[in-house]
C-alpha atoms as a PDB file:
ATOM      1  CA  MET A   1     109.250  93.536  89.880  1.00  0.00           C
ATOM      2  CA  ALA A   2     108.481  92.461  93.431  1.00  0.00           C
ATOM      3  CA  ASP A   3     105.255  92.849  95.339  1.00  0.00           C
ATOM      4  CA  TYR A   4     105.561  93.035  99.117  1.00  0.00           C
ATOM      5  CA  SER A   5     103.036  91.648 101.600  1.00  0.00           C
ATOM      6  CA  SER A   6     103.028  91.784 105.416  1.00  0.00           C
ATOM      7  CA  PRO A   7     100.547  90.993 108.155  1.00  0.00           C
ATOM      8  CA  PHE A   8      99.714  93.666 110.718  1.00  0.00           C
ATOM      9  CA  THR A   9      97.182  94.780 113.332  1.00  0.00           C
ATOM     10  CA  ALA A  10      95.287  98.011 112.585  1.00  0.00           C
ATOM     11  CA  GLY A  11      95.423 100.616 115.269  1.00  0.00           C
ATOM     12  CA  PRO A  12      92.547 102.414 116.898  1.00  0.00           C
ATOM     13  CA  GLY A  13      90.416 103.936 114.119  1.00  0.00           C
ATOM     14  CA  GLY A  14      91.482 101.265 111.600  1.00  0.00           C
ATOM     15  CA  VAL A  15      92.632 101.883 108.024  1.00  0.00           C
ATOM     16  CA  MET A  16      90.550 103.969 105.595  1.00  0.00           C
ATOM     17  CA  THR A  17      89.947 102.301 102.212  1.00  0.00           C
ATOM     18  CA  ASP A  18      88.419 103.670  98.993  1.00  0.00           C
ATOM     19  CA  GLU A  19      85.945 100.831  98.522  1.00  0.00           C
ATOM     20  CA  VAL A  20      84.528  99.985 101.935  1.00  0.00           C
ATOM     21  CA  GLY A  21      85.577 102.749 104.308  1.00  0.00           C
ATOM     22  CA  VAL A  22      87.362 101.749 107.539  1.00  0.00           C
ATOM     23  CA  VAL A  23      88.706  98.220 108.117  1.00  0.00           C
ATOM     24  CA  THR A  24      90.034  97.095 111.500  1.00  0.00           C
ATOM     25  CA  GLY A  25      91.664  94.114 113.157  1.00  0.00           C
ATOM     26  CA  GLN A  26      94.095  91.595 111.728  1.00  0.00           C
ATOM     27  CA  LEU A  27      94.955  92.788 108.226  1.00  0.00           C
ATOM     28  CA  GLU A  28      97.503  92.217 105.474  1.00  0.00           C
ATOM     29  CA  LEU A  29      99.295  95.015 103.601  1.00  0.00           C
ATOM     30  CA  ARG A  30     100.289  94.511  99.970  1.00  0.00           C
ATOM     31  CA  THR A  31     102.254  97.069  97.921  1.00  0.00           C
ATOM     32  CA  THR A  32     102.785  96.754  94.189  1.00  0.00           C
ATOM     33  CA  PHE A  33     104.941  98.786  91.854  1.00  0.00           C
ATOM     34  CA  ALA A  34     104.026  99.433  88.200  1.00  0.00           C
ATOM     35  CA  ASN A  35     104.647 102.290  85.762  1.00  0.00           C
ATOM     36  CA  GLY A  36     106.526 104.247  88.436  1.00  0.00           C
ATOM     37  CA  VAL A  37     103.724 104.144  90.982  1.00  0.00           C
ATOM     38  CA  VAL A  38     103.497 102.227  94.294  1.00  0.00           C
ATOM     39  CA  ARG A  39      99.931 101.198  95.194  1.00  0.00           C
ATOM     40  CA  ALA A  40      99.022 100.007  98.669  1.00  0.00           C
ATOM     41  CA  LYS A  41      96.107  97.744  99.492  1.00  0.00           C
ATOM     42  CA  VAL A  42      94.861  95.852 102.545  1.00  0.00           C
ATOM     43  CA  ARG A  43      92.671  92.849 103.143  1.00  0.00           C
ATOM     44  CA  TYR A  44      91.369  91.040 106.148  1.00  0.00           C
ATOM     45  CA  GLU A  45      93.938  88.307 106.977  1.00  0.00           C
ATOM     46  CA  GLY A  46      93.103  85.247 104.862  1.00  0.00           C
ATOM     47  CA  ALA A  47      90.380  86.994 102.789  1.00  0.00           C
ATOM     48  CA  ASP A  48      90.340  87.120  98.985  1.00  0.00           C
ATOM     49  CA  GLU A  49      89.339  90.733  98.364  1.00  0.00           C
ATOM     50  CA  TRP A  50      91.847  93.609  98.521  1.00  0.00           C
ATOM     51  CA  TYR A  51      90.959  97.296  99.229  1.00  0.00           C
ATOM     52  CA  ALA A  52      92.997 100.373  98.191  1.00  0.00           C
ATOM     53  CA  ILE A  53      94.213 102.348 101.120  1.00  0.00           C
ATOM     54  CA  THR A  54      92.952 105.912 100.749  1.00  0.00           C
ATOM     55  CA  GLY A  55      95.748 108.305  99.869  1.00  0.00           C
ATOM     56  CA  ALA A  56      98.504 105.603  99.970  1.00  0.00           C
ATOM     57  CA  SER A  57      99.611 105.603  96.318  1.00  0.00           C
ATOM     58  CA  CYS A  58     102.728 107.491  95.297  1.00  0.00           C
ATOM     59  CA  ARG A  59     105.100 107.951  92.369  1.00  0.00           C
ATOM     60  CA  LEU A  60     108.695 106.828  92.943  1.00  0.00           C
ATOM     61  CA  ALA A  61     111.773 108.100  91.069  1.00  0.00           C
ATOM     62  CA  ASP A  62     113.474 104.669  91.547  1.00  0.00           C
ATOM     63  CA  GLN A  63     111.760 101.336  91.929  1.00  0.00           C
ATOM     64  CA  ARG A  64     114.448 100.264  94.417  1.00  0.00           C
ATOM     65  CA  ASP A  65     112.652 102.573  96.924  1.00  0.00           C
ATOM     66  CA  HIS A  66     109.603 100.273  96.828  1.00  0.00           C
ATOM     67  CA  ALA A  67     110.776  98.106  99.711  1.00  0.00           C
ATOM     68  CA  ALA A  68     111.431 101.131 101.889  1.00  0.00           C
ATOM     69  CA  VAL A  69     107.992 102.610 101.158  1.00  0.00           C
ATOM     70  CA  HIS A  70     106.367  99.292 102.076  1.00  0.00           C
ATOM     71  CA  GLN A  71     108.252  99.176 105.399  1.00  0.00           C
ATOM     72  CA  VAL A  72     107.266 102.824 106.213  1.00  0.00           C
ATOM     73  CA  LEU A  73     103.581 102.062 105.535  1.00  0.00           C
ATOM     74  CA  LEU A  74     103.751  98.975 107.660  1.00  0.00           C
ATOM     75  CA  GLY A  75     105.321 100.949 110.466  1.00  0.00           C
ATOM     76  CA  VAL A  76     102.586 103.552 110.333  1.00  0.00           C
ATOM     77  CA  LEU A  77      99.715 101.067 110.054  1.00  0.00           C
ATOM     78  CA  ASN A  78     100.840  98.369 112.509  1.00  0.00           C
ATOM     79  CA  ARG A  79      99.513  99.396 115.919  1.00  0.00           C
ATOM     80  CA  PRO A  80      98.852  96.316 118.075  1.00  0.00           C
ATOM     81  CA  LEU A  81      97.273  96.989 121.432  1.00  0.00           C
ATOM     82  CA  GLY A  82      99.419  96.746 124.577  1.00  0.00           C
END
């Protein structure tokens, strides 16, 4: 089972998390797959603590779709300025 991790820049308004509210700036996205569910978390680039992205967990019929879900989330969240 693979976990995926990618750096990105949060867009205006940041990313809403369950634990600390909105996070902004240079972040890292990590998605994990276990028991049929993909979970998405973010952290400040280089930090130790991960935060669950509000509303970003989903059940998958096939674990092979995990990579595609990670890429879609990354595409939605990555909004560098300019």
